[in-house]
Amino acid sequence: MLHLIQIILLSAFPVLVIVAGMRDAVSFTIPNWISIALGAAFLPAALVMGVGPGEIGLALLIGLGALIAGMGMFAVGWIGGGDAKLFAAAGLWMGLGGLLPYLLITALAGGGLAVALLALRSVWMRPLAVRGPGWLSRLATPGENVPYGVAIAAGALAAFPESLLVGLFRGLS
């Protein structure tokens, strides 16, 4: 039964991150409830996995550091407020083992997203994109925002197997 509870709690991370990335792609917003739920799910997941107080404290520091970095990126206009909150909430789950892959893959995914949007917004692709759903047409609009939550979601999902909680889960199985 404990194993099932662990799986359910660990599943909250990818589910919420995917929802956040999809919502950002189609609406350029990440609702606060997603980041709140992601942050709130960490503690029960950590406790069920047997994470000690020191490691939980370190995770909280990583999350705080990610929030400060996200706020800085928001302040200079690089990302939106929802992106900053998602970046911090996902960072909370990473631990030291997943932190570097999370940062690197998120940055690379952000670069890939920028290149993809440049291509989509080009004179060749835009006429095709505007025939699609409204959200695709909006993505293809030159000068429109970048849904960086997509890159954050990609980085978080790719780094999740290296995270503290998944590492503990693999050790318990």
Protein backbone atom coordinates (compact mmCIF):
# COMPACT_ATOMS: atom_id res chain seq x y z
CA MET A 1 0.00 0.00 0.00
CA LEU A 2 2.86 2.39 0.84
CA HIS A 3 4.37 1.75 -2.59
CA LEU A 4 1.10 2.79 -4.26
CA ILE A 5 0.94 5.99 -2.18
CA GLN A 6 4.51 6.80 -3.16
CA ILE A 7 3.71 6.32 -6.84
CA ILE A 8 0.61 8.52 -6.60
CA LEU A 9 2.49 11.32 -4.83
CA LEU A 10 5.44 11.14 -7.22
CA SER A 11 3.02 11.22 -10.17
CA ALA A 12 1.77 14.63 -9.08
CA PHE A 13 5.01 16.17 -10.34
CA PRO A 14 4.87 15.13 -14.01
CA VAL A 15 1.11 15.61 -14.22
CA LEU A 16 1.22 19.17 -12.88
CA VAL A 17 4.30 20.12 -14.91
CA ILE A 18 2.73 18.84 -18.13
CA VAL A 19 -0.50 20.72 -17.40
CA ALA A 20 1.50 23.89 -16.73
CA GLY A 21 3.45 23.60 -19.99
CA MET A 22 0.31 22.92 -22.00
CA ARG A 23 -1.60 25.78 -20.40
CA ASP A 24 1.26 28.17 -21.10
CA ALA A 25 1.48 27.05 -24.73
CA VAL A 26 -2.20 27.63 -25.41
CA SER A 27 -2.95 30.64 -23.20
CA PHE A 28 0.39 32.26 -22.29
CA THR A 29 -0.56 31.85 -18.62
CA ILE A 30 0.21 29.37 -15.89
CA PRO A 31 -2.52 29.44 -13.26
CA ASN A 32 -1.31 29.93 -9.70
CA TRP A 33 -3.07 26.78 -8.53
CA ILE A 34 -0.62 24.65 -10.54
CA SER A 35 2.48 26.07 -8.86
CA ILE A 36 0.78 26.01 -5.46
CA ALA A 37 -0.25 22.38 -5.91
CA LEU A 38 3.24 21.46 -7.10
CA GLY A 39 4.83 23.11 -4.08
CA ALA A 40 2.26 21.70 -1.66
CA ALA A 41 2.67 18.15 -3.00
CA PHE A 42 6.40 18.15 -2.33
CA LEU A 43 6.29 17.81 1.46
CA PRO A 44 3.90 14.84 1.62
CA ALA A 45 5.86 13.15 -1.18
CA ALA A 46 9.15 13.78 0.61
CA LEU A 47 7.83 12.50 3.94
CA VAL A 48 6.38 9.33 2.40
CA MET A 49 9.72 8.73 0.67
CA GLY A 50 11.55 9.06 3.99
CA VAL A 51 13.44 12.25 3.23
CA GLY A 52 15.13 13.66 6.32
CA PRO A 53 14.78 17.20 7.65
CA GLY A 54 18.19 18.26 6.32
CA GLU A 55 17.37 17.20 2.77
CA ILE A 56 13.93 18.83 3.00
CA GLY A 57 15.62 22.03 4.18
CA LEU A 58 18.05 21.86 1.26
CA ALA A 59 15.14 21.36 -1.16
CA LEU A 60 13.44 24.41 0.34
CA LEU A 61 16.64 26.43 -0.16
CA ILE A 62 16.85 25.26 -3.78
CA GLY A 63 13.21 26.25 -4.31
CA LEU A 64 13.85 29.64 -2.69
CA GLY A 65 16.93 30.17 -4.85
CA ALA A 66 14.91 29.27 -7.94
CA LEU A 67 12.18 31.70 -6.86
CA ILE A 68 14.70 34.51 -6.42
CA ALA A 69 16.28 33.72 -9.81
CA GLY A 70 12.81 33.55 -11.39
CA MET A 71 11.84 36.88 -9.84
CA GLY A 72 15.02 38.40 -11.26
CA MET A 73 14.24 37.05 -14.72
CA PHE A 74 10.69 38.37 -14.38
CA ALA A 75 11.96 41.78 -13.27
CA VAL A 76 14.04 42.18 -16.42
CA GLY A 77 11.20 40.90 -18.63
CA TRP A 78 12.75 37.60 -19.69
CA ILE A 79 9.92 35.44 -18.34
CA GLY A 80 6.41 35.90 -16.98
CA GLY A 81 5.32 35.69 -13.36
CA GLY A 82 3.74 32.26 -13.83
CA ASP A 83 6.99 31.00 -15.35
CA ALA A 84 8.94 32.25 -12.31
CA LYS A 85 6.57 30.47 -9.91
CA LEU A 86 6.65 27.24 -11.92
CA PHE A 87 10.45 27.40 -12.10
CA ALA A 88 10.63 27.62 -8.30
CA ALA A 89 7.99 24.99 -7.57
CA ALA A 90 9.66 22.48 -9.91
CA GLY A 91 13.09 23.35 -8.49
CA LEU A 92 11.85 22.37 -5.04
CA TRP A 93 11.53 18.77 -6.20
CA MET A 94 14.99 18.52 -7.79
CA GLY A 95 17.39 18.23 -4.88
CA LEU A 96 21.09 18.58 -5.61
CA GLY A 97 21.16 15.59 -7.97
CA GLY A 98 18.54 16.97 -10.32
CA LEU A 99 19.38 20.66 -10.05
CA LEU A 100 22.11 20.92 -12.68
CA PRO A 101 20.24 18.81 -15.28
CA TYR A 102 17.10 20.87 -14.57
CA LEU A 103 18.89 24.17 -15.15
CA LEU A 104 20.80 23.02 -18.22
CA ILE A 105 17.92 21.25 -19.95
CA THR A 106 15.54 24.13 -19.20
CA ALA A 107 18.02 26.57 -20.76
CA LEU A 108 18.52 24.35 -23.82
CA ALA A 109 14.77 23.81 -24.17
CA GLY A 110 14.29 27.59 -23.94
CA GLY A 111 16.74 28.07 -26.80
CA GLY A 112 15.01 25.39 -28.83
CA LEU A 113 11.65 26.99 -28.10
CA ALA A 114 12.95 30.37 -29.25
CA VAL A 115 14.24 28.89 -32.52
CA ALA A 116 10.95 27.03 -33.07
CA LEU A 117 8.94 30.21 -32.47
CA LEU A 118 11.16 32.18 -34.84
CA ALA A 119 10.51 29.55 -37.49
CA LEU A 120 6.77 29.48 -36.74
CA ARG A 121 6.62 33.27 -36.93
CA SER A 122 8.51 33.41 -40.23
CA VAL A 123 6.92 34.59 -43.45
CA TRP A 124 6.85 30.98 -44.67
CA MET A 125 5.22 29.28 -41.67
CA ARG A 126 2.94 31.96 -40.28
CA PRO A 127 0.38 31.74 -43.13
CA LEU A 128 0.00 28.02 -42.39
CA ALA A 129 -0.17 28.48 -38.62
CA VAL A 130 -2.92 31.10 -38.73
CA ARG A 131 -5.19 28.51 -40.36
CA GLY A 132 -4.91 26.33 -37.28
CA PRO A 133 -6.45 26.69 -33.85
CA GLY A 134 -6.47 30.13 -32.22
CA TRP A 135 -3.70 29.29 -29.78
CA LEU A 136 -1.40 28.25 -32.65
CA SER A 137 -2.18 31.44 -34.51
CA ARG A 138 -1.30 33.40 -31.38
CA LEU A 139 1.98 31.49 -31.01
CA ALA A 140 2.78 32.40 -34.61
CA THR A 141 2.16 36.12 -34.07
CA PRO A 142 5.42 38.08 -34.43
CA GLY A 143 6.28 40.01 -31.28
CA GLU A 144 4.02 37.86 -29.10
CA ASN A 145 5.35 36.54 -25.79
CA VAL A 146 7.24 33.29 -25.43
CA PRO A 147 5.51 30.59 -23.37
CA TYR A 148 8.65 29.77 -21.39
CA GLY A 149 6.64 27.43 -19.17
CA VAL A 150 7.00 24.94 -22.02
CA ALA A 151 10.79 25.00 -21.65
CA ILE A 152 10.55 24.82 -17.85
CA ALA A 153 8.25 21.81 -18.16
CA ALA A 154 10.65 20.10 -20.58
CA GLY A 155 13.61 20.71 -18.28
CA ALA A 156 11.70 19.57 -15.20
CA LEU A 157 10.45 16.38 -16.85
CA ALA A 158 13.86 15.52 -18.26
CA ALA A 159 15.59 16.11 -14.91
CA PHE A 160 12.94 14.42 -12.76
CA PRO A 161 14.57 10.95 -12.98
CA GLU A 162 17.69 12.51 -11.40
CA SER A 163 15.71 14.19 -8.61
CA LEU A 164 16.05 13.30 -4.95
CA LEU A 165 12.63 11.70 -4.60
CA VAL A 166 12.87 9.53 -7.71
CA GLY A 167 16.34 8.43 -6.63
CA LEU A 168 14.98 7.39 -3.25
CA PHE A 169 12.06 5.63 -4.90
CA ARG A 170 14.41 3.62 -7.13
CA GLY A 171 16.44 2.70 -4.06
CA LEU A 172 13.36 1.46 -2.24
CA SER A 173 12.03 -0.62 -5.13
